[in-house]
Each structure stands twice: as C-alpha cells, then as structure tokens.
C-alpha cells in the first residue's frame, strides 16, 4: 500500500503538484511529517514528489482526481494511515462569469471540483481520519466566498462560478462541523489571500509560501485549537 508507512504523522494534500498545495506539502514535510502529494497529472505529481524528496521531505505520490469517484476511492484504499487532509484542489473556471451570461457548463465544472470534489474526497478519507489520534481537515477556501465581503464590494471581480462556489464550500464545511461535533476531528477553512498562481495568471501579490502559512497552521492545531472557523493570516474572515 502507498500509505503503509511508520508512525509518522501523515497528511494528504490535494492539488499538491504546484502552487499553494505544493508549499503546503513542503511546509508539513519540513515538520517531519510524511506527506501525500495528491494530483491527477502523473508527470507533474511525480516531478513534485521528486523535488520534495530532494529537499528532504518524506513525500509520496497519490494519483487523485477529486472529480472522479473511482479515483478518489482508489486513493483512499491506497492509504494505510491519514492524520490530516488538506482539501486544496480548486479551479476558477473559464471566464467571463457574469451571472446574466454564464455558460451553465462552466458553473457545473467549477462546482464539481470546488464543492463536490471536497465532499467526495472528505467522505472517502473520513474512515482513515477517524482512526487518528489528532485528525484535522483543512479546506482551502477564499475570502471571495465571504458574503460579508461580497456585499461590501471587497470580494474581487464578478465571478458567479468561482466566488459562490467558495460560499457554498464554506457552508458545506459548517455542515461537517455540526455532524462531527463531539469527535476529535477539527475542521477549518483557510483563506490563502491573493496569491500569484496560474489560477489568476500570476497576478496575485502574495507568494505561494505566504499562501500556505494559514493552511499549515490549521493542519497543526493543538487539541484545544478551534474548529469550524474561517481564517486568514490576520485572523478570522467574516462569514
């Protein structure tokens, strides 16, 4: 089995072959954790694993397409241990995304990855997480999903696919928090900020290392840490 490892804390990061996901994997690996690099592109995944290993990270590749039931099930079956799941994989979708002219196929594609993909992956990995002593789920969201910031005009350009997908994702996460209340599983949302990645044509003003900081912090929360929160570097993001 891919995940038949040792007693090391083991994390799986989806969409970890590049960008913020890669630096989340690198940051967790720097703590001495074993890190699964989840990605659907075989070549990019293995390139990322090799790069992480060269930097001293105990990394391994996990073939994973969050939009595909069989792929997610196979990924879960390949793991023997999982302590932390970081739901990082996400897309912006093609543009433009004005609500009056949106191609509904674009909207479906965005939701399939950004919302359904998180649900699919989380549910598949929960049996493993339930066996962990300190399980954590971190889902990478965005402040553009904040209804407070959207209503104040502080949530970027009009994007009826991407922005509401993050609002939906935030609400879904709260439903998990309610259902799993009383367990030791901590679930939180992380906003990485406006990071320069291929999702925005590298226009962001933050580095991927900076974007990875909050997800890493939430992945490493102590047992008395928060659950059900929405956080960025500066603190909590308004819902």
C-alpha atoms as a PDB file:
ATOM      1  CA  UNK A   1       0.000   0.000   0.000  1.00  0.00           C
ATOM      2  CA  UNK A   2       1.178   3.535  -0.747  1.00  0.00           C
ATOM      3  CA  UNK A   3       0.432   4.708   2.767  1.00  0.00           C
ATOM      4  CA  UNK A   4       1.776   1.682   4.657  1.00  0.00           C
ATOM      5  CA  UNK A   5       4.330   3.783   6.459  1.00  0.00           C
ATOM      6  CA  UNK A   6       5.578   4.224  10.003  1.00  0.00           C
ATOM      7  CA  UNK A   7       4.143   6.057  12.978  1.00  0.00           C
ATOM      8  CA  UNK A   8       4.855   9.426  11.375  1.00  0.00           C
ATOM      9  CA  UNK A   9       2.039  11.932  11.190  1.00  0.00           C
ATOM     10  CA  UNK A  10       0.705  11.546   7.661  1.00  0.00           C
ATOM     11  CA  UNK A  11      -1.037  14.208   5.609  1.00  0.00           C
ATOM     12  CA  UNK A  12      -2.664  14.207   2.202  1.00  0.00           C
ATOM     13  CA  UNK A  13      -2.759  17.463   0.240  1.00  0.00           C
ATOM     14  CA  UNK A  14      -4.953  17.566  -2.850  1.00  0.00           C
ATOM     15  CA  UNK A  15      -3.773  19.589  -5.820  1.00  0.00           C
ATOM     16  CA  UNK A  16      -0.270  19.486  -4.373  1.00  0.00           C
ATOM     17  CA  UNK A  17       1.789  19.250  -7.526  1.00  0.00           C
ATOM     18  CA  UNK A  18       2.161  23.047  -7.785  1.00  0.00           C
ATOM     19  CA  UNK A  19       1.292  26.411  -6.286  1.00  0.00           C
ATOM     20  CA  UNK A  20      -0.124  26.733  -2.795  1.00  0.00           C
ATOM     21  CA  UNK A  21      -0.686  22.996  -2.497  1.00  0.00           C
ATOM     22  CA  UNK A  22       2.944  22.258  -3.175  1.00  0.00           C
ATOM     23  CA  UNK A  23       4.084  24.689  -0.495  1.00  0.00           C
ATOM     24  CA  UNK A  24       1.588  23.275   1.988  1.00  0.00           C
ATOM     25  CA  UNK A  25       3.121  19.860   1.347  1.00  0.00           C
ATOM     26  CA  UNK A  26       6.613  21.305   1.669  1.00  0.00           C
ATOM     27  CA  UNK A  27       5.767  23.066   4.925  1.00  0.00           C
ATOM     28  CA  UNK A  28       4.214  19.999   6.517  1.00  0.00           C
ATOM     29  CA  UNK A  29       7.102  17.885   5.308  1.00  0.00           C
ATOM     30  CA  UNK A  30       9.558  20.287   6.933  1.00  0.00           C
ATOM     31  CA  UNK A  31       7.929  19.374  10.248  1.00  0.00           C
ATOM     32  CA  UNK A  32       8.992  15.781   9.737  1.00  0.00           C
ATOM     33  CA  UNK A  33       5.590  14.604   8.532  1.00  0.00           C
ATOM     34  CA  UNK A  34       5.041  12.134   5.731  1.00  0.00           C
ATOM     35  CA  UNK A  35       3.098  13.902   3.006  1.00  0.00           C
ATOM     36  CA  UNK A  36       0.970  12.516   0.207  1.00  0.00           C
ATOM     37  CA  UNK A  37       1.056  14.634  -2.925  1.00  0.00           C
ATOM     38  CA  UNK A  38      -2.401  14.291  -4.418  1.00  0.00           C
ATOM     39  CA  UNK A  39      -2.681  15.246  -8.093  1.00  0.00           C
ATOM     40  CA  UNK A  40      -4.304  13.925 -11.252  1.00  0.00           C
ATOM     41  CA  UNK A  41      -1.441  14.682 -13.647  1.00  0.00           C
ATOM     42  CA  UNK A  42       1.017  11.809 -13.349  1.00  0.00           C
ATOM     43  CA  UNK A  43       4.077  13.620 -14.665  1.00  0.00           C
ATOM     44  CA  UNK A  44       3.565  16.771 -12.593  1.00  0.00           C
ATOM     45  CA  UNK A  45       2.793  14.740  -9.484  1.00  0.00           C
ATOM     46  CA  UNK A  46       5.948  12.678  -9.724  1.00  0.00           C
ATOM     47  CA  UNK A  47       8.022  15.766 -10.531  1.00  0.00           C
ATOM     48  CA  UNK A  48       6.687  17.423  -7.380  1.00  0.00           C
ATOM     49  CA  UNK A  49       7.425  14.319  -5.295  1.00  0.00           C
ATOM     50  CA  UNK A  50      10.988  14.176  -6.589  1.00  0.00           C
ATOM     51  CA  UNK A  51      11.501  17.863  -5.852  1.00  0.00           C
ATOM     52  CA  UNK A  52      10.130  17.497  -2.321  1.00  0.00           C
ATOM     53  CA  UNK A  53      12.223  14.418  -1.668  1.00  0.00           C
ATOM     54  CA  UNK A  54      15.315  16.237  -2.882  1.00  0.00           C
ATOM     55  CA  UNK A  55      14.551  18.892  -0.263  1.00  0.00           C
ATOM     56  CA  UNK A  56      14.401  16.234   2.438  1.00  0.00           C
ATOM     57  CA  UNK A  57      10.619  15.807   2.617  1.00  0.00           C
ATOM     58  CA  UNK A  58       9.208  12.326   3.190  1.00  0.00           C
ATOM     59  CA  UNK A  59       6.812  12.649   0.253  1.00  0.00           C
ATOM     60  CA  UNK A  60       4.887  10.117  -1.811  1.00  0.00           C
ATOM     61  CA  UNK A  61       2.562  10.475  -4.759  1.00  0.00           C
ATOM     62  CA  UNK A  62      -1.162   9.773  -4.648  1.00  0.00           C
ATOM     63  CA  UNK A  63      -2.963   9.626  -8.010  1.00  0.00           C
ATOM     64  CA  UNK A  64      -6.084  11.662  -7.317  1.00  0.00           C
ATOM     65  CA  UNK A  65      -8.731  13.358  -9.420  1.00  0.00           C
ATOM     66  CA  UNK A  66     -11.224  14.842  -6.965  1.00  0.00           C
ATOM     67  CA  UNK A  67     -13.939  14.903  -9.645  1.00  0.00           C
ATOM     68  CA  UNK A  68     -13.814  11.143 -10.192  1.00  0.00           C
ATOM     69  CA  UNK A  69     -15.414   8.663  -7.791  1.00  0.00           C
ATOM     70  CA  UNK A  70     -13.170   5.771  -8.758  1.00  0.00           C
ATOM     71  CA  UNK A  71     -10.001   7.852  -8.475  1.00  0.00           C
ATOM     72  CA  UNK A  72     -10.895   9.123  -5.009  1.00  0.00           C
ATOM     73  CA  UNK A  73     -11.882   5.653  -3.796  1.00  0.00           C
ATOM     74  CA  UNK A  74      -8.617   4.214  -5.099  1.00  0.00           C
ATOM     75  CA  UNK A  75      -6.645   6.961  -3.385  1.00  0.00           C
ATOM     76  CA  UNK A  76      -8.308   6.215  -0.052  1.00  0.00           C
ATOM     77  CA  UNK A  77      -7.736   2.481  -0.473  1.00  0.00           C
ATOM     78  CA  UNK A  78      -4.040   3.086  -1.146  1.00  0.00           C
ATOM     79  CA  UNK A  79      -3.502   4.731   2.236  1.00  0.00           C
ATOM     80  CA  UNK A  80      -2.907   2.858   5.450  1.00  0.00           C
ATOM     81  CA  UNK A  81      -2.796   5.936   7.664  1.00  0.00           C
ATOM     82  CA  UNK A  82      -4.061   9.507   7.478  1.00  0.00           C
ATOM     83  CA  UNK A  83      -3.979  12.169  10.176  1.00  0.00           C
ATOM     84  CA  UNK A  84      -4.545  15.354   8.195  1.00  0.00           C
ATOM     85  CA  UNK A  85      -6.473  16.031   4.995  1.00  0.00           C
ATOM     86  CA  UNK A  86      -5.900  19.330   3.222  1.00  0.00           C
ATOM     87  CA  UNK A  87      -8.563  19.948   0.583  1.00  0.00           C
ATOM     88  CA  UNK A  88      -6.614  22.323  -1.618  1.00  0.00           C
ATOM     89  CA  UNK A  89      -7.562  21.363  -5.188  1.00  0.00           C
ATOM     90  CA  UNK A  90      -9.664  24.045  -6.845  1.00  0.00           C
ATOM     91  CA  UNK A  91     -10.314  25.856 -10.104  1.00  0.00           C
ATOM     92  CA  UNK A  92     -11.597  29.297 -11.068  1.00  0.00           C
ATOM     93  CA  UNK A  93     -13.359  28.122 -14.216  1.00  0.00           C
ATOM     94  CA  UNK A  94     -13.361  29.786 -17.592  1.00  0.00           C
ATOM     95  CA  UNK A  95     -14.477  33.377 -17.943  1.00  0.00           C
ATOM     96  CA  UNK A  96     -16.274  35.649 -18.185  1.00  0.00           C
ATOM     97  CA  UNK A  97     -18.576  34.729 -15.307  1.00  0.00           C
ATOM     98  CA  UNK A  98     -21.255  37.403 -15.348  1.00  0.00           C
ATOM     99  CA  UNK A  99     -24.450  35.901 -13.924  1.00  0.00           C
ATOM    100  CA  UNK A 100     -26.621  37.082 -16.831  1.00  0.00           C
ATOM    101  CA  UNK A 101     -24.495  35.367 -19.462  1.00  0.00           C
ATOM    102  CA  UNK A 102     -22.781  32.484 -17.661  1.00  0.00           C
ATOM    103  CA  UNK A 103     -22.481  29.198 -19.500  1.00  0.00           C
ATOM    104  CA  UNK A 104     -24.009  26.757 -17.045  1.00  0.00           C
ATOM    105  CA  UNK A 105     -21.495  24.097 -18.063  1.00  0.00           C
ATOM    106  CA  UNK A 106     -18.757  26.361 -16.652  1.00  0.00           C
ATOM    107  CA  UNK A 107     -20.685  26.650 -13.404  1.00  0.00           C
ATOM    108  CA  UNK A 108     -21.137  22.878 -13.202  1.00  0.00           C
ATOM    109  CA  UNK A 109     -17.439  22.308 -13.802  1.00  0.00           C
ATOM    110  CA  UNK A 110     -16.427  24.738 -11.043  1.00  0.00           C
ATOM    111  CA  UNK A 111     -18.835  23.187  -8.549  1.00  0.00           C
ATOM    112  CA  UNK A 112     -17.710  19.678  -9.432  1.00  0.00           C
ATOM    113  CA  UNK A 113     -14.165  20.473  -8.335  1.00  0.00           C
ATOM    114  CA  UNK A 114     -14.562  23.156  -5.688  1.00  0.00           C
ATOM    115  CA  UNK A 115     -17.548  21.719  -3.825  1.00  0.00           C
ATOM    116  CA  UNK A 116     -18.425  18.176  -4.880  1.00  0.00           C
ATOM    117  CA  UNK A 117     -14.746  17.262  -5.077  1.00  0.00           C
ATOM    118  CA  UNK A 118     -14.217  18.326  -1.468  1.00  0.00           C
ATOM    119  CA  UNK A 119     -17.238  16.351  -0.298  1.00  0.00           C
ATOM    120  CA  UNK A 120     -16.206  13.300  -2.314  1.00  0.00           C
ATOM    121  CA  UNK A 121     -12.639  13.366  -1.004  1.00  0.00           C
ATOM    122  CA  UNK A 122     -13.533  14.155   2.597  1.00  0.00           C
ATOM    123  CA  UNK A 123     -16.060  11.331   2.802  1.00  0.00           C
ATOM    124  CA  UNK A 124     -13.627   8.840   1.305  1.00  0.00           C
ATOM    125  CA  UNK A 125     -10.875   9.805   3.764  1.00  0.00           C
ATOM    126  CA  UNK A 126     -13.014  10.041   6.913  1.00  0.00           C
ATOM    127  CA  UNK A 127     -12.668   6.355   7.882  1.00  0.00           C
ATOM    128  CA  UNK A 128      -8.892   6.812   7.963  1.00  0.00           C
ATOM    129  CA  UNK A 129      -9.110  10.105   9.828  1.00  0.00           C
ATOM    130  CA  UNK A 130     -11.381   8.592  12.461  1.00  0.00           C
ATOM    131  CA  UNK A 131      -8.547   6.213  13.369  1.00  0.00           C
ATOM    132  CA  UNK A 132      -6.124   9.074  14.007  1.00  0.00           C
ATOM    133  CA  UNK A 133      -5.483  10.438  17.487  1.00  0.00           C
ATOM    134  CA  UNK A 134      -5.336  14.043  16.247  1.00  0.00           C
ATOM    135  CA  UNK A 135      -7.285  14.261  12.976  1.00  0.00           C
ATOM    136  CA  UNK A 136      -7.517  17.546  11.135  1.00  0.00           C
ATOM    137  CA  UNK A 137      -9.338  18.615   7.978  1.00  0.00           C
ATOM    138  CA  UNK A 138      -8.279  21.886   6.387  1.00  0.00           C
ATOM    139  CA  UNK A 139     -10.188  23.154   3.390  1.00  0.00           C
ATOM    140  CA  UNK A 140      -8.697  25.942   1.321  1.00  0.00           C
ATOM    141  CA  UNK A 141     -11.415  28.483   0.628  1.00  0.00           C
ATOM    142  CA  UNK A 142     -11.191  32.182  -0.243  1.00  0.00           C
ATOM    143  CA  UNK A 143     -12.333  35.483   1.179  1.00  0.00           C
ATOM    144  CA  UNK A 144     -14.312  35.963  -2.055  1.00  0.00           C
ATOM    145  CA  UNK A 145     -16.692  33.402  -0.582  1.00  0.00           C
ATOM    146  CA  UNK A 146     -17.473  35.716   2.337  1.00  0.00           C
ATOM    147  CA  UNK A 147     -20.981  37.120   1.950  1.00  0.00           C
ATOM    148  CA  UNK A 148     -19.978  39.991   4.216  1.00  0.00           C
ATOM    149  CA  UNK A 149     -17.130  40.971   1.916  1.00  0.00           C
ATOM    150  CA  UNK A 150     -19.153  40.330  -1.235  1.00  0.00           C
ATOM    151  CA  UNK A 151     -21.908  42.684  -0.057  1.00  0.00           C
ATOM    152  CA  UNK A 152     -19.290  45.320   0.787  1.00  0.00           C
ATOM    153  CA  UNK A 153     -17.682  45.068  -2.648  1.00  0.00           C
ATOM    154  CA  UNK A 154     -14.491  43.630  -1.176  1.00  0.00           C
ATOM    155  CA  UNK A 155     -14.512  40.235  -2.865  1.00  0.00           C
ATOM    156  CA  UNK A 156     -12.883  40.740  -6.230  1.00  0.00           C
ATOM    157  CA  UNK A 157     -14.490  40.833  -9.676  1.00  0.00           C
ATOM    158  CA  UNK A 158     -17.878  39.382 -10.584  1.00  0.00           C
ATOM    159  CA  UNK A 159     -17.474  35.613 -10.865  1.00  0.00           C
ATOM    160  CA  UNK A 160     -20.762  33.758 -10.498  1.00  0.00           C
ATOM    161  CA  UNK A 161     -18.962  30.442 -10.769  1.00  0.00           C
ATOM    162  CA  UNK A 162     -15.903  30.818  -8.573  1.00  0.00           C
ATOM    163  CA  UNK A 163     -16.999  33.160  -5.771  1.00  0.00           C
ATOM    164  CA  UNK A 164     -20.298  31.428  -4.926  1.00  0.00           C
ATOM    165  CA  UNK A 165     -18.547  28.061  -5.134  1.00  0.00           C
ATOM    166  CA  UNK A 166     -16.449  29.151  -2.179  1.00  0.00           C
ATOM    167  CA  UNK A 167     -19.533  30.420  -0.333  1.00  0.00           C
ATOM    168  CA  UNK A 168     -21.135  27.024  -0.916  1.00  0.00           C
ATOM    169  CA  UNK A 169     -17.934  25.305   0.219  1.00  0.00           C
ATOM    170  CA  UNK A 170     -17.909  27.343   3.432  1.00  0.00           C
ATOM    171  CA  UNK A 171     -21.500  26.347   4.175  1.00  0.00           C
ATOM    172  CA  UNK A 172     -20.780  22.696   3.434  1.00  0.00           C
ATOM    173  CA  UNK A 173     -17.860  22.783   5.858  1.00  0.00           C
ATOM    174  CA  UNK A 174     -20.113  24.048   8.631  1.00  0.00           C
ATOM    175  CA  UNK A 175     -22.433  21.113   7.999  1.00  0.00           C
ATOM    176  CA  UNK A 176     -19.499  18.746   8.541  1.00  0.00           C
ATOM    177  CA  UNK A 177     -18.650  20.578  11.756  1.00  0.00           C
ATOM    178  CA  UNK A 178     -22.203  20.082  13.004  1.00  0.00           C
ATOM    179  CA  UNK A 179     -22.310  16.392  12.113  1.00  0.00           C
ATOM    180  CA  UNK A 180     -18.883  15.636  13.584  1.00  0.00           C
ATOM    181  CA  UNK A 181     -19.435  17.603  16.786  1.00  0.00           C
ATOM    182  CA  UNK A 182     -18.221  15.597  19.739  1.00  0.00           C
ATOM    183  CA  UNK A 183     -15.491  13.835  17.803  1.00  0.00           C
ATOM    184  CA  UNK A 184     -11.805  14.745  17.883  1.00  0.00           C
ATOM    185  CA  UNK A 185     -11.828  15.818  14.215  1.00  0.00           C
ATOM    186  CA  UNK A 186     -11.100  19.519  13.827  1.00  0.00           C
ATOM    187  CA  UNK A 187     -12.327  21.100  10.598  1.00  0.00           C
ATOM    188  CA  UNK A 188     -11.418  24.604   9.495  1.00  0.00           C
ATOM    189  CA  UNK A 189     -11.365  26.808   6.413  1.00  0.00           C
ATOM    190  CA  UNK A 190      -8.295  28.694   5.252  1.00  0.00           C
ATOM    191  CA  UNK A 191      -8.064  31.740   3.019  1.00  0.00           C
ATOM    192  CA  UNK A 192      -4.564  31.964   1.499  1.00  0.00           C
ATOM    193  CA  UNK A 193      -5.037  35.506   0.241  1.00  0.00           C
ATOM    194  CA  UNK A 194      -4.401  36.789  -3.274  1.00  0.00           C
ATOM    195  CA  UNK A 195      -1.527  34.527  -4.196  1.00  0.00           C
ATOM    196  CA  UNK A 196       0.299  34.617  -7.517  1.00  0.00           C
ATOM    197  CA  UNK A 197      -0.662  31.295  -9.133  1.00  0.00           C
ATOM    198  CA  UNK A 198      -1.813  30.124 -12.527  1.00  0.00           C
ATOM    199  CA  UNK A 199      -5.412  30.427 -11.290  1.00  0.00           C
ATOM    200  CA  UNK A 200      -5.133  34.208 -11.599  1.00  0.00           C
ATOM    201  CA  UNK A 201      -2.460  34.463 -14.258  1.00  0.00           C
ATOM    202  CA  UNK A 202       0.137  35.072 -11.522  1.00  0.00           C
ATOM    203  CA  UNK A 203      -1.343  38.483 -10.778  1.00  0.00           C
ATOM    204  CA  UNK A 204      -1.541  37.951  -7.010  1.00  0.00           C
ATOM    205  CA  UNK A 205       0.660  39.975  -4.679  1.00  0.00           C
ATOM    206  CA  UNK A 206       1.409  37.114  -2.239  1.00  0.00           C
ATOM    207  CA  UNK A 207       3.817  34.238  -2.663  1.00  0.00           C
ATOM    208  CA  UNK A 208       2.746  30.620  -2.541  1.00  0.00           C
ATOM    209  CA  UNK A 209       4.761  30.232   0.658  1.00  0.00           C
ATOM    210  CA  UNK A 210       2.733  33.043   2.232  1.00  0.00           C
ATOM    211  CA  UNK A 211      -0.485  31.469   0.975  1.00  0.00           C
ATOM    212  CA  UNK A 212       0.442  28.143   2.546  1.00  0.00           C
ATOM    213  CA  UNK A 213       1.004  29.618   6.026  1.00  0.00           C
ATOM    214  CA  UNK A 214      -2.592  29.595   7.286  1.00  0.00           C
ATOM    215  CA  UNK A 215      -3.412  26.095   5.965  1.00  0.00           C
ATOM    216  CA  UNK A 216      -0.249  24.783   7.635  1.00  0.00           C
ATOM    217  CA  UNK A 217      -1.177  26.467  10.910  1.00  0.00           C
ATOM    218  CA  UNK A 218      -4.644  24.915  10.845  1.00  0.00           C
ATOM    219  CA  UNK A 219      -3.240  21.500   9.942  1.00  0.00           C
ATOM    220  CA  UNK A 220      -1.020  21.612  13.024  1.00  0.00           C
ATOM    221  CA  UNK A 221      -3.555  22.892  15.571  1.00  0.00           C
ATOM    222  CA  UNK A 222      -3.245  21.599  19.126  1.00  0.00           C
ATOM    223  CA  UNK A 223      -6.072  19.555  20.598  1.00  0.00           C
ATOM    224  CA  UNK A 224      -7.530  22.664  22.251  1.00  0.00           C
ATOM    225  CA  UNK A 225      -7.473  24.600  18.987  1.00  0.00           C
ATOM    226  CA  UNK A 226     -10.561  25.896  17.200  1.00  0.00           C
ATOM    227  CA  UNK A 227     -12.891  24.035  14.888  1.00  0.00           C
ATOM    228  CA  UNK A 228     -15.484  25.399  12.498  1.00  0.00           C
ATOM    229  CA  UNK A 229     -13.534  28.589  11.811  1.00  0.00           C
ATOM    230  CA  UNK A 230     -12.700  30.553   8.675  1.00  0.00           C
ATOM    231  CA  UNK A 231      -9.210  32.006   8.929  1.00  0.00           C
ATOM    232  CA  UNK A 232      -6.659  34.103   7.066  1.00  0.00           C
ATOM    233  CA  UNK A 233      -3.255  35.346   8.238  1.00  0.00           C
ATOM    234  CA  UNK A 234      -4.778  38.346  10.017  1.00  0.00           C
ATOM    235  CA  UNK A 235      -7.348  36.282  11.915  1.00  0.00           C
ATOM    236  CA  UNK A 236     -10.910  35.220  11.273  1.00  0.00           C
ATOM    237  CA  UNK A 237     -12.622  36.002   7.981  1.00  0.00           C
ATOM    238  CA  UNK A 238     -16.197  37.330   8.346  1.00  0.00           C
ATOM    239  CA  UNK A 239     -18.779  34.942   7.003  1.00  0.00           C
END
